[in-house]
């Protein structure tokens, strides 16, 4: 279910420009990349699409592998 939440969250970000702006603002707000990711995970949870740090990292790794 969490993998589905990651995909659904990215779809929501594409559709909701305000939510997208908020997610992108984390890079400017925090210098530490872990805090950026924590804020991103909290944002996903706040819209009812929670997933863990590990699930997110696995998803990002798979996405990068698919691009090779």
N, C-alpha and C. Protein backbone atom coordinates (compact mmCIF):
# COMPACT_ATOMS: atom_id res chain seq x y z
N UNK A 1 0.82 -1.20 0.00
CA UNK A 1 0.00 0.00 0.00
C UNK A 1 0.86 1.26 0.00
N UNK A 2 1.98 1.22 0.67
CA UNK A 2 2.80 2.42 0.75
C UNK A 2 3.41 2.80 -0.60
N UNK A 3 3.76 1.79 -1.40
CA UNK A 3 4.28 2.09 -2.72
C UNK A 3 3.20 2.78 -3.56
N UNK A 4 1.99 2.31 -3.39
CA UNK A 4 0.86 2.94 -4.07
C UNK A 4 0.69 4.38 -3.56
N UNK A 5 0.95 4.60 -2.28
CA UNK A 5 0.86 5.95 -1.71
C UNK A 5 1.91 6.88 -2.32
N UNK A 6 3.10 6.36 -2.56
CA UNK A 6 4.15 7.19 -3.17
C UNK A 6 3.71 7.63 -4.56
N UNK A 7 3.23 6.69 -5.34
CA UNK A 7 2.78 7.00 -6.70
C UNK A 7 1.61 7.98 -6.65
N UNK A 8 0.66 7.74 -5.76
CA UNK A 8 -0.50 8.63 -5.64
C UNK A 8 -0.08 10.03 -5.19
N UNK A 9 0.91 10.10 -4.31
CA UNK A 9 1.37 11.40 -3.84
C UNK A 9 2.01 12.19 -4.98
N UNK A 10 2.83 11.54 -5.78
CA UNK A 10 3.43 12.23 -6.92
C UNK A 10 2.37 12.68 -7.93
N UNK A 11 1.34 11.88 -8.11
CA UNK A 11 0.24 12.29 -9.00
C UNK A 11 -0.48 13.50 -8.43
N UNK A 12 -0.67 13.51 -7.12
CA UNK A 12 -1.30 14.65 -6.46
C UNK A 12 -0.43 15.90 -6.60
N UNK A 13 0.87 15.74 -6.45
CA UNK A 13 1.78 16.89 -6.61
C UNK A 13 1.68 17.49 -8.01
N UNK A 14 1.54 16.64 -9.01
CA UNK A 14 1.40 17.13 -10.39
C UNK A 14 0.10 17.91 -10.56
N UNK A 15 -0.94 17.46 -9.91
CA UNK A 15 -2.26 18.08 -10.07
C UNK A 15 -2.45 19.32 -9.20
N UNK A 16 -1.83 19.35 -8.04
CA UNK A 16 -2.03 20.44 -7.08
C UNK A 16 -0.78 21.31 -7.02
N UNK A 17 -0.80 22.42 -7.73
CA UNK A 17 0.38 23.28 -7.85
C UNK A 17 0.78 23.90 -6.50
N UNK A 18 -0.16 24.17 -5.64
CA UNK A 18 0.16 24.73 -4.32
C UNK A 18 0.90 23.70 -3.47
N UNK A 19 0.43 22.48 -3.51
CA UNK A 19 1.10 21.40 -2.77
C UNK A 19 2.49 21.17 -3.37
N UNK A 20 2.61 21.24 -4.67
CA UNK A 20 3.90 21.10 -5.34
C UNK A 20 4.85 22.21 -4.91
N UNK A 21 4.36 23.44 -4.85
CA UNK A 21 5.18 24.56 -4.42
C UNK A 21 5.69 24.34 -3.00
N UNK A 22 4.80 23.85 -2.13
CA UNK A 22 5.19 23.59 -0.74
C UNK A 22 6.27 22.52 -0.68
N UNK A 23 6.11 21.45 -1.44
CA UNK A 23 7.11 20.37 -1.44
C UNK A 23 8.45 20.88 -1.94
N UNK A 24 8.44 21.68 -2.98
CA UNK A 24 9.69 22.21 -3.53
C UNK A 24 10.36 23.22 -2.60
N UNK A 25 9.58 23.86 -1.75
CA UNK A 25 10.13 24.86 -0.84
C UNK A 25 11.04 24.24 0.23
N UNK A 26 10.90 22.95 0.47
CA UNK A 26 11.71 22.30 1.50
C UNK A 26 13.20 22.38 1.18
N UNK A 27 13.58 22.37 -0.10
CA UNK A 27 14.99 22.46 -0.47
C UNK A 27 15.59 23.79 -0.03
N UNK A 28 14.79 24.85 -0.08
CA UNK A 28 15.28 26.16 0.35
C UNK A 28 15.20 26.33 1.86
N UNK A 29 14.20 25.69 2.44
CA UNK A 29 13.94 25.85 3.88
C UNK A 29 14.98 25.12 4.74
N UNK A 30 15.43 23.95 4.28
CA UNK A 30 16.34 23.12 5.06
C UNK A 30 17.63 22.89 4.30
N UNK A 31 18.75 22.96 5.00
CA UNK A 31 20.04 22.67 4.38
C UNK A 31 20.35 21.18 4.43
N UNK A 32 19.91 20.52 5.48
CA UNK A 32 20.15 19.09 5.67
C UNK A 32 19.16 18.28 4.83
N UNK A 33 19.66 17.42 3.95
CA UNK A 33 18.80 16.65 3.04
C UNK A 33 17.85 15.74 3.81
N UNK A 34 18.28 15.22 4.95
CA UNK A 34 17.39 14.37 5.75
C UNK A 34 16.17 15.15 6.22
N UNK A 35 16.36 16.41 6.59
CA UNK A 35 15.23 17.24 7.01
C UNK A 35 14.29 17.53 5.84
N UNK A 36 14.85 17.68 4.65
CA UNK A 36 14.03 17.87 3.45
C UNK A 36 13.14 16.65 3.25
N UNK A 37 13.73 15.48 3.35
CA UNK A 37 12.98 14.24 3.16
C UNK A 37 11.95 14.06 4.27
N UNK A 38 12.33 14.34 5.51
CA UNK A 38 11.38 14.24 6.63
C UNK A 38 10.17 15.15 6.40
N UNK A 39 10.41 16.36 5.94
CA UNK A 39 9.32 17.29 5.67
C UNK A 39 8.45 16.78 4.52
N UNK A 40 9.08 16.20 3.50
CA UNK A 40 8.36 15.64 2.36
C UNK A 40 7.47 14.49 2.82
N UNK A 41 8.00 13.62 3.69
CA UNK A 41 7.22 12.50 4.22
C UNK A 41 6.06 13.01 5.08
N UNK A 42 6.31 14.04 5.87
CA UNK A 42 5.24 14.61 6.71
C UNK A 42 4.15 15.23 5.85
N UNK A 43 4.54 15.86 4.74
CA UNK A 43 3.55 16.44 3.83
C UNK A 43 2.69 15.35 3.22
N UNK A 44 3.31 14.27 2.80
CA UNK A 44 2.55 13.14 2.24
C UNK A 44 1.58 12.58 3.28
N UNK A 45 2.06 12.44 4.50
CA UNK A 45 1.18 11.93 5.56
C UNK A 45 0.03 12.89 5.84
N UNK A 46 0.29 14.18 5.75
CA UNK A 46 -0.75 15.17 6.04
C UNK A 46 -1.90 15.14 5.03
N UNK A 47 -1.64 14.59 3.85
CA UNK A 47 -2.71 14.48 2.85
C UNK A 47 -3.24 13.05 2.75
N UNK A 48 -2.88 12.23 3.76
CA UNK A 48 -3.43 10.87 3.85
C UNK A 48 -2.72 9.84 2.99
N UNK A 49 -1.46 10.12 2.60
CA UNK A 49 -0.70 9.18 1.78
C UNK A 49 0.66 8.88 2.42
N UNK A 50 0.65 8.28 3.61
CA UNK A 50 1.92 8.05 4.32
C UNK A 50 2.76 6.95 3.69
N UNK A 51 4.07 7.13 3.80
CA UNK A 51 5.03 6.09 3.43
C UNK A 51 6.30 6.36 4.23
N UNK A 52 7.10 5.32 4.37
CA UNK A 52 8.29 5.43 5.22
C UNK A 52 9.49 5.95 4.43
N UNK A 53 10.50 6.34 5.16
CA UNK A 53 11.76 6.79 4.57
C UNK A 53 12.36 5.66 3.72
N UNK A 54 12.36 4.47 4.26
CA UNK A 54 12.91 3.33 3.53
C UNK A 54 12.14 3.07 2.24
N UNK A 55 10.83 3.09 2.30
CA UNK A 55 10.02 2.87 1.10
C UNK A 55 10.29 3.95 0.06
N UNK A 56 10.45 5.17 0.52
CA UNK A 56 10.74 6.28 -0.38
C UNK A 56 12.10 6.09 -1.04
N UNK A 57 13.11 5.71 -0.26
CA UNK A 57 14.45 5.50 -0.81
C UNK A 57 14.46 4.34 -1.81
N UNK A 58 13.75 3.27 -1.49
CA UNK A 58 13.66 2.14 -2.41
C UNK A 58 13.00 2.57 -3.72
N UNK A 59 11.95 3.37 -3.61
CA UNK A 59 11.26 3.87 -4.79
C UNK A 59 12.19 4.74 -5.63
N UNK A 60 12.92 5.63 -4.99
CA UNK A 60 13.84 6.51 -5.72
C UNK A 60 14.95 5.70 -6.39
N UNK A 61 15.44 4.69 -5.72
CA UNK A 61 16.48 3.83 -6.30
C UNK A 61 15.94 3.10 -7.54
N UNK A 62 14.72 2.58 -7.43
CA UNK A 62 14.11 1.89 -8.56
C UNK A 62 13.91 2.85 -9.74
N UNK A 63 13.48 4.08 -9.44
CA UNK A 63 13.29 5.06 -10.50
C UNK A 63 14.61 5.37 -11.20
N UNK A 64 15.67 5.49 -10.43
CA UNK A 64 16.98 5.78 -11.01
C UNK A 64 17.46 4.59 -11.83
N UNK A 65 17.22 3.38 -11.36
CA UNK A 65 17.62 2.17 -12.09
C UNK A 65 16.87 2.06 -13.41
N UNK A 66 15.60 2.44 -13.40
CA UNK A 66 14.78 2.39 -14.62
C UNK A 66 15.28 3.36 -15.68
N UNK A 67 15.94 4.44 -15.26
CA UNK A 67 16.42 5.45 -16.19
C UNK A 67 17.72 5.05 -16.87
N UNK A 68 18.40 4.04 -16.33
CA UNK A 68 19.68 3.61 -16.89
C UNK A 68 19.52 2.82 -18.15
